[in-house]
Amino acid sequence: STGVVAMVNPYIEKRKFGRRSVFKPAVLVLEDGKKITGIVVDLSEGGARFQSPNAAQIPKIFMLEIAGDDFTVKCELVHRREDSVGMQFIASPRKISWGPAERRYIPTVRDPSD
């Protein structure tokens, strides 16, 4: 025996997608319509980290809006720290300018001769 002990790194990257550091003003929109302002400090294809002094008020499910990028996405909280939260995207991102998803429905026009 060589007496060598294998060390396990407790900080192994668990993300499915690489992240990049950003500094983007953003808003979290809660189900009741309340808005929490803050800054997205890192972003990946699958999630983001959001800094806000109101991190303790952020619920499990919410919408992230980055107006400067015309970007909105439904998110789930995955971790919380004193002044930030990590989130994963649980729906496909959309453009804010498209309006709410329910407004995109276009009813079928019936032919009056039916």
Protein backbone atom coordinates (compact mmCIF):
# COMPACT_ATOMS: atom_id res chain seq x y z
CA SER A 1 0.00 0.00 0.00
CA THR A 2 1.28 3.46 -0.91
CA GLY A 3 -0.56 5.23 1.87
CA VAL A 4 -2.11 7.71 -0.64
CA VAL A 5 -5.67 8.74 0.17
CA ALA A 6 -7.87 9.94 -2.70
CA MET A 7 -9.37 13.35 -2.00
CA VAL A 8 -12.90 14.07 -3.20
CA ASN A 9 -13.56 17.61 -4.41
CA PRO A 10 -16.78 18.83 -2.74
CA TYR A 11 -17.14 21.58 -5.37
CA ILE A 12 -17.63 19.41 -8.44
CA GLU A 13 -19.57 21.27 -11.12
CA LYS A 14 -23.10 19.81 -11.31
CA ARG A 15 -24.53 22.08 -14.00
CA LYS A 16 -25.60 20.54 -17.31
CA PHE A 17 -24.66 23.76 -19.16
CA GLY A 18 -21.64 26.05 -18.85
CA ARG A 19 -22.32 29.40 -17.23
CA ARG A 20 -21.00 32.85 -18.03
CA SER A 21 -20.66 35.87 -15.79
CA VAL A 22 -23.00 38.70 -16.70
CA PHE A 23 -24.35 41.82 -15.01
CA LYS A 24 -27.92 42.27 -16.23
CA PRO A 25 -30.65 44.21 -14.43
CA ALA A 26 -33.64 41.87 -14.10
CA VAL A 27 -36.99 41.39 -12.41
CA LEU A 28 -38.56 38.29 -10.89
CA VAL A 29 -42.34 38.29 -11.35
CA LEU A 30 -44.17 36.21 -8.75
CA GLU A 31 -47.52 34.46 -9.23
CA ASP A 32 -49.34 37.20 -7.29
CA GLY A 33 -47.85 39.85 -9.61
CA LYS A 34 -45.30 41.13 -7.07
CA LYS A 35 -41.95 42.07 -8.64
CA ILE A 36 -38.50 41.67 -7.10
CA THR A 37 -35.70 43.64 -8.74
CA GLY A 38 -32.08 42.56 -8.83
CA ILE A 39 -29.17 41.60 -11.04
CA VAL A 40 -28.51 38.39 -12.98
CA VAL A 41 -24.84 37.71 -12.21
CA ASP A 42 -24.40 34.48 -14.12
CA LEU A 43 -26.39 32.83 -16.86
CA SER A 44 -26.39 29.52 -18.71
CA GLU A 45 -28.69 27.76 -21.16
CA GLY A 46 -30.40 26.04 -18.24
CA GLY A 47 -30.47 28.58 -15.42
CA ALA A 48 -29.17 31.70 -13.73
CA ARG A 49 -28.01 33.25 -10.46
CA PHE A 50 -29.88 36.36 -9.34
CA GLN A 51 -28.69 38.80 -6.65
CA SER A 52 -31.17 40.81 -4.62
CA PRO A 53 -31.41 42.08 -1.04
CA ASN A 54 -34.90 40.48 -1.12
CA ALA A 55 -33.66 36.92 -1.85
CA ALA A 56 -35.51 35.59 1.22
CA GLN A 57 -38.87 36.56 -0.36
CA ILE A 58 -38.38 34.56 -3.56
CA PRO A 59 -40.76 31.56 -3.82
CA LYS A 60 -40.20 28.17 -5.47
CA ILE A 61 -41.69 29.14 -8.89
CA PHE A 62 -41.51 32.54 -10.65
CA MET A 63 -40.80 34.27 -13.95
CA LEU A 64 -37.40 35.84 -14.70
CA GLU A 65 -37.51 38.91 -16.96
CA ILE A 66 -34.42 40.54 -18.46
CA ALA A 67 -35.94 43.52 -20.28
CA GLY A 68 -32.65 44.60 -21.89
CA ASP A 69 -32.53 41.25 -23.71
CA ASP A 70 -36.32 40.99 -24.33
CA PHE A 71 -36.11 37.69 -22.40
CA THR A 72 -38.52 35.95 -20.03
CA VAL A 73 -38.57 32.40 -18.71
CA LYS A 74 -40.38 30.37 -16.04
CA CYS A 75 -37.99 29.27 -13.28
CA GLU A 76 -37.72 27.04 -10.26
CA LEU A 77 -35.64 27.97 -7.23
CA VAL A 78 -32.76 25.51 -6.71
CA HIS A 79 -30.78 27.22 -3.93
CA ARG A 80 -30.88 30.32 -1.79
CA ARG A 81 -28.12 32.31 -0.14
CA GLU A 82 -28.37 35.47 1.96
CA ASP A 83 -28.42 37.85 -1.02
CA SER A 84 -28.87 35.59 -4.07
CA VAL A 85 -30.76 32.65 -5.52
CA GLY A 86 -29.94 30.03 -8.09
CA MET A 87 -32.66 29.00 -10.51
CA GLN A 88 -33.20 26.51 -13.26
CA PHE A 89 -35.34 27.24 -16.29
CA ILE A 90 -38.40 24.97 -16.38
CA ALA A 91 -39.88 26.21 -19.65
CA SER A 92 -38.51 27.48 -22.93
CA PRO A 93 -37.41 31.14 -22.84
CA ARG A 94 -39.64 33.63 -24.68
CA LYS A 95 -39.47 37.23 -25.78
CA ILE A 96 -41.16 39.66 -23.37
CA SER A 97 -42.45 41.55 -26.42
CA TRP A 98 -44.59 38.53 -27.34
CA GLY A 99 -46.76 39.24 -24.29
CA PRO A 100 -48.15 36.59 -21.95
CA ALA A 101 -48.44 33.11 -23.45
CA GLU A 102 -52.23 33.08 -23.10
CA ARG A 103 -52.47 36.17 -25.32
CA ARG A 104 -50.73 34.36 -28.17
CA TYR A 105 -53.74 32.09 -28.72
CA ILE A 106 -55.49 32.95 -31.97
CA PRO A 107 -59.04 31.61 -32.11
CA THR A 108 -60.12 29.69 -35.17
CA VAL A 109 -62.37 31.73 -37.45
CA ARG A 110 -65.47 29.79 -38.42
CA ASP A 111 -66.74 29.87 -41.95
CA PRO A 112 -70.19 31.59 -41.83
CA SER A 113 -71.51 29.11 -44.43
CA ASP A 114 -71.20 26.22 -41.89
